[in-house]
Structure formats: structure tokens, C-alpha cells
Amino acid sequence: MAIYLISYDLIKTKDYKKLYDAIMSYQRCARITDSLWAIVSRKKAVEIRDFLKKHIDNDDKLFVCKINGEAAWFNLNKDVSGWLKKSIVKKNL
């Protein structure tokens, strides 16, 4: 299992619910900031991208990146920070 970051910009039609539902279909996920999520998956980044592409418009932007196990953050809410610590940091101790 790997941790992936998902970032997006919805351009004209902003159907966030459709995209959020697709992202949350991954059982382990966390919304880090307004347009940045983290998920845990066995799939490759290209497979995640292809799945999520079905839930956005052709003019929208989407970025999926595998985390290498190191992360740092500031001023995130307590729940997100806990999720990140549990999912990323402890995995690499």
C-alpha cells in the first residue's frame, strides 16, 4: 500500500461532490487542504488519475503523486495531522 497526494483545480463547472465522492471511495483518505487530499491505495498513480478523470471535466486539472514517506506540515487541523502521522510518519520508523 502506498500513500498518494491528489491535487486538483476545477475550472468552469465546479462539481466538487462528484470528485469528492470518487476520492472518498478510497477507504483511507484525508482532506489536507481545500484542494489537496491524501489516500492510501495499492494502485499506481496513473490508475488513480484515470479513475478520478472520469469524475471531472476535460478543462479541469488533476495531479496524483506517490509520497516517499517523508512529510512536514504546519497549522493543519488536529484530525488531519493525526491521520498524516499515522499514515506517513509511523510507516517509516
C-alpha atoms as a PDB file:
ATOM      1  CA  MET A   1       0.000   0.000   0.000  1.00  0.00           C
ATOM      2  CA  ALA A   2       1.199   3.479  -0.830  1.00  0.00           C
ATOM      3  CA  ILE A   3       0.125   6.978   0.056  1.00  0.00           C
ATOM      4  CA  TYR A   4      -0.768   9.365  -2.752  1.00  0.00           C
ATOM      5  CA  LEU A   5      -1.462  13.067  -2.843  1.00  0.00           C
ATOM      6  CA  ILE A   6      -4.280  14.257  -5.074  1.00  0.00           C
ATOM      7  CA  SER A   7      -4.486  17.903  -6.080  1.00  0.00           C
ATOM      8  CA  TYR A   8      -6.983  19.463  -8.483  1.00  0.00           C
ATOM      9  CA  ASP A   9      -8.357  22.675  -9.945  1.00  0.00           C
ATOM     10  CA  LEU A  10     -11.924  22.578 -11.191  1.00  0.00           C
ATOM     11  CA  ILE A  11     -12.179  25.274 -13.856  1.00  0.00           C
ATOM     12  CA  LYS A  12     -15.629  26.138 -15.225  1.00  0.00           C
ATOM     13  CA  THR A  13     -18.158  23.638 -13.911  1.00  0.00           C
ATOM     14  CA  LYS A  14     -17.307  23.003 -10.281  1.00  0.00           C
ATOM     15  CA  ASP A  15     -18.933  19.662  -9.417  1.00  0.00           C
ATOM     16  CA  TYR A  16     -16.953  19.034  -6.255  1.00  0.00           C
ATOM     17  CA  LYS A  17     -19.344  16.421  -4.867  1.00  0.00           C
ATOM     18  CA  LYS A  18     -18.739  14.058  -7.781  1.00  0.00           C
ATOM     19  CA  LEU A  19     -14.962  14.331  -7.347  1.00  0.00           C
ATOM     20  CA  TYR A  20     -15.108  14.143  -3.540  1.00  0.00           C
ATOM     21  CA  ASP A  21     -17.250  11.015  -3.689  1.00  0.00           C
ATOM     22  CA  ALA A  22     -14.715   9.411  -6.043  1.00  0.00           C
ATOM     23  CA  ILE A  23     -11.800  10.317  -3.767  1.00  0.00           C
ATOM     24  CA  MET A  24     -13.657   9.131  -0.661  1.00  0.00           C
ATOM     25  CA  SER A  25     -14.337   5.787  -2.349  1.00  0.00           C
ATOM     26  CA  TYR A  26     -10.770   5.005  -1.261  1.00  0.00           C
ATOM     27  CA  GLN A  27     -11.414   3.775   2.274  1.00  0.00           C
ATOM     28  CA  ARG A  28      -8.401   5.513   3.751  1.00  0.00           C
ATOM     29  CA  CYS A  29      -8.367   9.174   2.766  1.00  0.00           C
ATOM     30  CA  ALA A  30      -7.932  12.607   4.328  1.00  0.00           C
ATOM     31  CA  ARG A  31      -8.632  16.091   3.051  1.00  0.00           C
ATOM     32  CA  ILE A  32      -5.477  18.031   3.850  1.00  0.00           C
ATOM     33  CA  THR A  33      -6.407  21.442   2.412  1.00  0.00           C
ATOM     34  CA  ASP A  34      -9.227  22.729   0.210  1.00  0.00           C
ATOM     35  CA  SER A  35      -7.885  21.103  -2.953  1.00  0.00           C
ATOM     36  CA  LEU A  36      -5.381  18.566  -1.606  1.00  0.00           C
ATOM     37  CA  TRP A  37      -6.226  15.055  -0.420  1.00  0.00           C
ATOM     38  CA  ALA A  38      -4.184  12.038   0.642  1.00  0.00           C
ATOM     39  CA  ILE A  39      -5.295   8.476   0.000  1.00  0.00           C
ATOM     40  CA  VAL A  40      -3.897   5.014   0.653  1.00  0.00           C
ATOM     41  CA  SER A  41      -4.082   2.602  -2.268  1.00  0.00           C
ATOM     42  CA  ARG A  42      -2.449  -0.400  -3.896  1.00  0.00           C
ATOM     43  CA  LYS A  43      -2.977   1.157  -7.319  1.00  0.00           C
ATOM     44  CA  LYS A  44      -0.407   3.145  -9.268  1.00  0.00           C
ATOM     45  CA  ALA A  45      -0.658   6.920  -9.691  1.00  0.00           C
ATOM     46  CA  VAL A  46      -1.724   6.567 -13.331  1.00  0.00           C
ATOM     47  CA  GLU A  47      -4.565   4.216 -12.343  1.00  0.00           C
ATOM     48  CA  ILE A  48      -5.782   6.632  -9.672  1.00  0.00           C
ATOM     49  CA  ARG A  49      -5.576   9.506 -12.142  1.00  0.00           C
ATOM     50  CA  ASP A  50      -7.530   7.574 -14.754  1.00  0.00           C
ATOM     51  CA  PHE A  51     -10.245   6.720 -12.231  1.00  0.00           C
ATOM     52  CA  LEU A  52     -10.577  10.293 -10.977  1.00  0.00           C
ATOM     53  CA  LYS A  53     -10.507  11.727 -14.513  1.00  0.00           C
ATOM     54  CA  LYS A  54     -13.919  10.160 -15.055  1.00  0.00           C
ATOM     55  CA  HIS A  55     -15.313  12.488 -12.380  1.00  0.00           C
ATOM     56  CA  ILE A  56     -14.031  15.842 -13.666  1.00  0.00           C
ATOM     57  CA  ASP A  57     -14.355  17.886 -16.860  1.00  0.00           C
ATOM     58  CA  ASN A  58     -11.822  17.991 -19.688  1.00  0.00           C
ATOM     59  CA  ASP A  59     -10.688  21.520 -18.787  1.00  0.00           C
ATOM     60  CA  ASP A  60     -10.014  20.658 -15.114  1.00  0.00           C
ATOM     61  CA  LYS A  61      -6.547  19.957 -13.734  1.00  0.00           C
ATOM     62  CA  LEU A  62      -5.552  16.890 -11.718  1.00  0.00           C
ATOM     63  CA  PHE A  63      -2.269  15.816 -10.100  1.00  0.00           C
ATOM     64  CA  VAL A  64      -1.577  12.477  -8.372  1.00  0.00           C
ATOM     65  CA  CYS A  65       1.764  11.855  -6.668  1.00  0.00           C
ATOM     66  CA  LYS A  66       3.102   8.982  -4.542  1.00  0.00           C
ATOM     67  CA  ILE A  67       4.568  10.110  -1.213  1.00  0.00           C
ATOM     68  CA  ASN A  68       8.017   8.737  -0.494  1.00  0.00           C
ATOM     69  CA  GLY A  69       7.399   8.573   3.254  1.00  0.00           C
ATOM     70  CA  GLU A  70       8.703  11.927   4.351  1.00  0.00           C
ATOM     71  CA  ALA A  71       6.422  14.878   5.019  1.00  0.00           C
ATOM     72  CA  ALA A  72       6.267  18.040   7.058  1.00  0.00           C
ATOM     73  CA  TRP A  73       3.345  20.368   7.679  1.00  0.00           C
ATOM     74  CA  PHE A  74       2.192  23.378   9.622  1.00  0.00           C
ATOM     75  CA  ASN A  75      -1.127  24.509  11.034  1.00  0.00           C
ATOM     76  CA  LEU A  76      -3.281  21.643   9.793  1.00  0.00           C
ATOM     77  CA  ASN A  77      -6.280  20.628  11.848  1.00  0.00           C
ATOM     78  CA  LYS A  78      -5.759  18.020  14.569  1.00  0.00           C
ATOM     79  CA  ASP A  79      -7.609  15.198  12.766  1.00  0.00           C
ATOM     80  CA  VAL A  80      -5.664  15.640   9.521  1.00  0.00           C
ATOM     81  CA  SER A  81      -2.377  15.935  11.381  1.00  0.00           C
ATOM     82  CA  GLY A  82      -3.139  12.714  13.269  1.00  0.00           C
ATOM     83  CA  TRP A  83      -4.068  10.921  10.038  1.00  0.00           C
ATOM     84  CA  LEU A  84      -0.815  12.058   8.414  1.00  0.00           C
ATOM     85  CA  LYS A  85       1.270  10.979  11.409  1.00  0.00           C
ATOM     86  CA  LYS A  86      -0.391   7.577  11.477  1.00  0.00           C
ATOM     87  CA  SER A  87      -0.303   7.005   7.732  1.00  0.00           C
ATOM     88  CA  ILE A  88       3.026   8.508   6.711  1.00  0.00           C
ATOM     89  CA  VAL A  89       5.410   9.054   9.592  1.00  0.00           C
ATOM     90  CA  LYS A  90       4.965   5.841  11.618  1.00  0.00           C
ATOM     91  CA  LYS A  91       5.112   3.756   8.472  1.00  0.00           C
ATOM     92  CA  ASN A  92       8.735   4.798   8.008  1.00  0.00           C
ATOM     93  CA  LEU A  93      10.121   4.428  11.536  1.00  0.00           C
END
